[in-house]
Every structure is written in structure tokens, then in C-alpha cells.
Protein backbone atom coordinates (compact mmCIF):
# COMPACT_ATOMS: atom_id res chain seq x y z
CA MET A 1 10.41 -38.40 50.38
CA GLU A 2 7.25 -36.67 50.29
CA THR A 3 3.74 -36.02 48.89
CA GLU A 4 3.49 -32.96 45.65
CA LEU A 5 0.38 -32.83 45.41
CA ASN A 6 1.48 -30.76 41.69
CA LYS A 7 2.30 -35.27 40.31
CA PHE A 8 -0.92 -36.72 40.88
CA ASP A 9 -2.46 -37.78 37.00
CA ASN A 10 -4.64 -39.51 36.93
CA SER A 11 -5.01 -40.05 33.13
CA TRP A 12 -4.47 -43.28 33.21
CA TYR A 13 -7.85 -43.66 34.44
CA TRP A 14 -10.20 -42.03 31.48
CA LYS A 15 -7.97 -43.75 28.78
CA ASN A 16 -8.02 -47.27 29.75
CA TYR A 17 -10.76 -47.85 32.25
CA ASN A 18 -13.76 -44.88 32.18
CA LYS A 19 -13.71 -43.96 28.40
CA SER A 20 -17.06 -42.38 29.11
CA SER A 21 -17.05 -38.66 26.85
CA PHE A 22 -16.81 -36.09 28.93
CA ILE A 23 -20.13 -34.61 27.60
CA LYS A 24 -21.37 -38.12 29.57
CA ARG A 25 -20.66 -36.73 32.24
CA ILE A 26 -21.87 -33.31 31.95
CA PHE A 27 -25.46 -34.50 31.17
CA TRP A 28 -25.38 -37.64 33.79
CA ILE A 29 -23.87 -34.80 36.40
CA ILE A 30 -26.30 -32.33 34.95
CA ILE A 31 -29.75 -35.10 35.15
CA GLY A 32 -28.38 -36.98 37.95
CA ASN A 33 -28.02 -34.69 40.82
CA THR A 34 -32.06 -33.60 38.69
CA PHE A 35 -33.37 -36.34 39.53
CA ILE A 36 -31.67 -39.18 41.25
CA ASN A 37 -29.19 -36.82 43.57
CA SER A 38 -32.13 -35.10 44.51
CA TYR A 39 -35.42 -34.62 47.29
CA LEU A 40 -37.75 -33.66 44.02
CA PRO A 41 -40.11 -36.49 44.60
CA THR A 42 -38.61 -37.75 41.64
CA PRO A 43 -40.85 -41.92 41.10
CA ILE A 44 -38.27 -44.59 41.46
CA PHE A 45 -39.50 -45.61 37.58
CA PHE A 46 -38.38 -42.58 36.60
CA LYS A 47 -35.54 -42.55 38.59
CA ILE A 48 -34.46 -45.89 37.00
CA TRP A 49 -35.05 -45.52 33.26
CA LEU A 50 -32.72 -42.33 34.13
CA LEU A 51 -29.94 -44.46 35.07
CA ARG A 52 -30.45 -47.44 32.73
CA LEU A 53 -30.47 -44.44 29.88
CA PHE A 54 -26.95 -44.00 30.89
CA GLY A 55 -25.99 -47.56 31.40
CA ALA A 56 -26.87 -49.01 34.17
CA LYS A 57 -28.22 -52.65 34.35
CA ILE A 58 -30.82 -52.46 36.69
CA GLY A 59 -33.22 -55.79 38.13
CA ALA A 60 -36.75 -55.24 38.55
CA HIS A 61 -39.12 -54.37 42.30
CA VAL A 62 -35.32 -52.21 42.15
CA VAL A 63 -35.88 -48.74 45.16
CA ILE A 64 -34.18 -46.13 45.24
CA LYS A 65 -34.82 -43.98 47.46
CA PRO A 66 -33.90 -39.84 47.92
CA LYS A 67 -30.54 -37.95 47.59
CA ALA A 68 -29.16 -41.63 45.87
CA ASN A 69 -25.36 -40.89 44.68
CA ILE A 70 -24.82 -42.94 41.91
CA LYS A 71 -20.98 -41.40 40.66
CA PHE A 72 -21.09 -43.44 36.74
CA PRO A 73 -24.13 -45.12 36.50
CA TRP A 74 -22.55 -46.73 33.13
CA LEU A 75 -20.43 -49.01 35.92
CA LEU A 76 -23.16 -49.70 38.30
CA GLU A 77 -25.74 -52.99 38.23
CA ILE A 78 -28.07 -54.00 40.94
CA GLY A 79 -29.96 -57.20 41.14
CA GLU A 80 -33.96 -58.11 41.24
CA ASP A 81 -35.74 -56.94 44.42
CA CYS A 82 -33.32 -53.62 46.16
CA TRP A 83 -33.54 -51.54 48.24
CA ILE A 84 -31.27 -48.82 47.98
CA GLY A 85 -32.42 -45.86 50.82
CA GLU A 86 -31.65 -41.85 51.25
CA GLU A 87 -28.38 -40.53 50.51
CA VAL A 88 -26.02 -44.05 49.56
CA TRP A 89 -23.47 -43.18 48.34
CA ILE A 90 -21.97 -45.40 45.42
CA ASP A 91 -18.82 -43.89 44.61
CA ASN A 92 -18.77 -46.66 41.79
CA LEU A 93 -15.00 -45.19 40.27
CA ALA A 94 -15.14 -48.94 39.15
CA LYS A 95 -18.02 -51.75 39.57
CA VAL A 96 -20.03 -52.17 41.44
CA LYS A 97 -22.27 -55.70 41.04
CA ILE A 98 -25.74 -55.59 43.25
CA GLY A 99 -26.72 -59.34 43.86
CA ASN A 100 -30.81 -59.51 44.11
CA ASN A 101 -32.38 -58.36 47.17
CA VAL A 102 -29.92 -56.45 48.39
CA CYS A 103 -30.58 -53.28 51.42
CA ILE A 104 -28.16 -50.85 51.78
CA SER A 105 -29.38 -48.77 54.21
CA GLN A 106 -29.47 -44.58 54.36
CA GLY A 107 -26.57 -42.87 54.55
CA ALA A 108 -23.97 -45.59 53.85
CA LEU A 109 -20.85 -45.37 51.54
CA LEU A 110 -19.43 -47.71 48.15
CA LEU A 111 -15.77 -46.71 47.10
CA THR A 112 -14.60 -47.56 45.11
CA GLY A 113 -11.13 -45.69 44.66
CA ASN A 114 -8.95 -44.37 47.26
CA HIS A 115 -4.57 -43.43 46.57
CA ASP A 116 -2.05 -44.38 48.06
CA PHE A 117 0.01 -42.71 50.61
CA THR A 118 2.88 -44.20 49.91
CA LEU A 119 3.71 -43.07 46.79
CA SER A 120 4.24 -38.91 46.42
CA ALA A 121 2.15 -38.88 43.32
CA PHE A 122 -0.85 -40.06 45.71
CA ASP A 123 -2.00 -41.93 42.84
CA LEU A 124 -5.12 -43.49 42.45
CA LYS A 125 -6.42 -46.50 42.90
CA ILE A 126 -9.19 -48.22 42.12
CA GLY A 127 -11.15 -52.16 42.58
CA GLU A 128 -14.40 -53.25 41.86
CA ILE A 129 -17.32 -54.24 44.69
CA ILE A 130 -19.30 -56.91 44.99
CA ILE A 131 -22.14 -57.35 47.42
CA GLU A 132 -23.87 -60.45 46.64
CA ASN A 133 -27.31 -62.01 46.96
CA GLY A 134 -29.25 -61.16 49.95
CA VAL A 135 -26.74 -58.77 51.56
CA TRP A 136 -26.95 -55.94 54.12
CA ILE A 137 -25.40 -52.79 54.21
CA GLY A 138 -26.39 -51.04 57.13
CA ALA A 139 -27.01 -46.94 57.50
CA LYS A 140 -23.81 -45.33 57.56
CA SER A 141 -21.51 -48.17 56.96
CA ILE A 142 -18.17 -48.41 54.54
CA VAL A 143 -17.71 -50.94 52.17
CA CYS A 144 -13.93 -49.81 50.20
CA LEU A 145 -12.65 -51.57 47.50
CA ASN A 146 -11.75 -54.55 46.17
CA VAL A 147 -14.39 -56.10 49.04
CA THR A 148 -17.19 -59.25 48.32
CA CYS A 149 -19.94 -59.14 50.47
CA GLU A 150 -21.47 -62.48 50.23
CA ASP A 151 -24.21 -63.65 50.09
CA HIS A 152 -26.47 -62.80 53.48
CA SER A 153 -23.65 -60.97 55.22
CA VAL A 154 -24.31 -57.88 57.74
CA LEU A 155 -22.06 -54.68 57.60
CA THR A 156 -23.76 -53.75 60.40
CA VAL A 157 -24.58 -49.28 61.52
CA GLY A 158 -21.69 -47.59 61.88
CA SER A 159 -18.78 -49.99 60.08
CA VAL A 160 -16.55 -49.76 58.07
CA THR A 161 -14.68 -52.94 55.71
CA SER A 162 -11.95 -53.26 53.66
CA LYS A 163 -11.85 -56.91 54.00
CA ASN A 164 -14.68 -59.04 51.93
CA LEU A 165 -17.51 -60.07 53.91
CA GLN A 166 -17.83 -64.08 54.60
CA SER A 167 -21.97 -65.43 53.71
CA PHE A 168 -23.80 -64.55 56.43
CA GLY A 169 -21.24 -63.42 58.84
CA ILE A 170 -22.38 -60.73 60.71
CA TYR A 171 -19.78 -57.43 60.93
CA ARG A 172 -19.32 -54.70 63.12
CA GLY A 173 -17.16 -52.15 64.39
CA ASN A 174 -14.05 -50.11 62.76
CA PRO A 175 -12.25 -52.30 60.71
CA ALA A 176 -15.29 -54.89 60.88
CA GLU A 177 -15.13 -57.61 62.78
CA LEU A 178 -16.86 -61.23 62.88
CA ILE A 179 -19.34 -60.98 65.30
CA LYS A 180 -21.70 -63.31 64.79
CA ARG A 181 -23.72 -65.63 62.66
CA ARG A 182 -26.65 -64.45 60.85
CA VAL A 183 -29.56 -67.19 61.08
CA ILE A 184 -33.41 -65.93 59.15
CA THR A 185 -35.70 -68.25 59.97
CA ASP A 186 -39.18 -68.55 58.67
């Protein structure tokens, strides 16, 4: 058997999972790329207002840096006191839920979709990402679908995880492995 991309069909996704209208998606592409996924000096309060207007649930004191790429705001929840770094890509075909006091550093990728390479049509598969309170996702790191980053876990710079991260665990590498425990002192 060989890959046959001409058989690819993700219509199920639009019919059963992401029921957003075509018009809504077009407006989001225009507005999102103009004010969110841009280096324009757009005030943070205006970015958050736009994201909420398109259905995102966002808590207080959230910072969204320039060039953040958010695929579907209506599938995004962000808690309070979070930082979304420059050029973060939230590729949320499925729900992405971010807790409180989370830092997602520049260039990180939250990836809720993939393809089933065992099928000839390369079918789309999706899964949620949950990032609990106090988590730090390092610069240029990747969090894959169906992953939960438990409270205060750390994914270090350039690491990739397709498995859950334990609370207070510090993970490094591709694939990310637990290297030590996080200790927070004050």
C-alpha cells in the first residue's frame, strides 16, 4: 500500500468538531493576521478584546507578544497572569487550555493536530492540549496533541513532548525526558 493524498478528507472535522462558519474563519484570518500575528504595535488590551470577541476565554493580566499565531480563538482558554511570547504558534485544531501563571516562551509550538501515517489517505487526527498552572514552555519547544503539562512542569528550550509532563518535572530533549525536579524557592 502507498500513500494516496488524493483520498485525504477532513470534512468530518468541520461538520462534527469545529463548527465555525466559513465567514467567521475568513474574518479571523484577516483580523488575526492584522492585529495578533503581526509586528504592528497593537496594545495588549486590544489583542485580548479581539480574541474574546472571537470566542477565546482569557483571564486577567495576560500578555500576548507580537506575532502570536492563534489558529482558532474559539478553541482557546487562557487563565490569569500568563505570558504568550513572541512568535508562539497555537495551532489549535482542538481545545487548548492554559492555566494560571503560565509562560509560553518565544517560538514555542502547541500542536493539536497530526496525520495518521499508517493510513493511505494520511487522515487528520486531533487532540487537546492542557497546560496546568505554573508551567513554563521554553523557547522553540513543541507540545504535541493529547498532552497534559501538569502543574509547574518545565519543558526546556528546543524540547519536544508527545507525552504528559509530571508536576514539577523539568524535561529536556527530543523526545523530552525528565532530567530533574523543579524546586521553587522564595
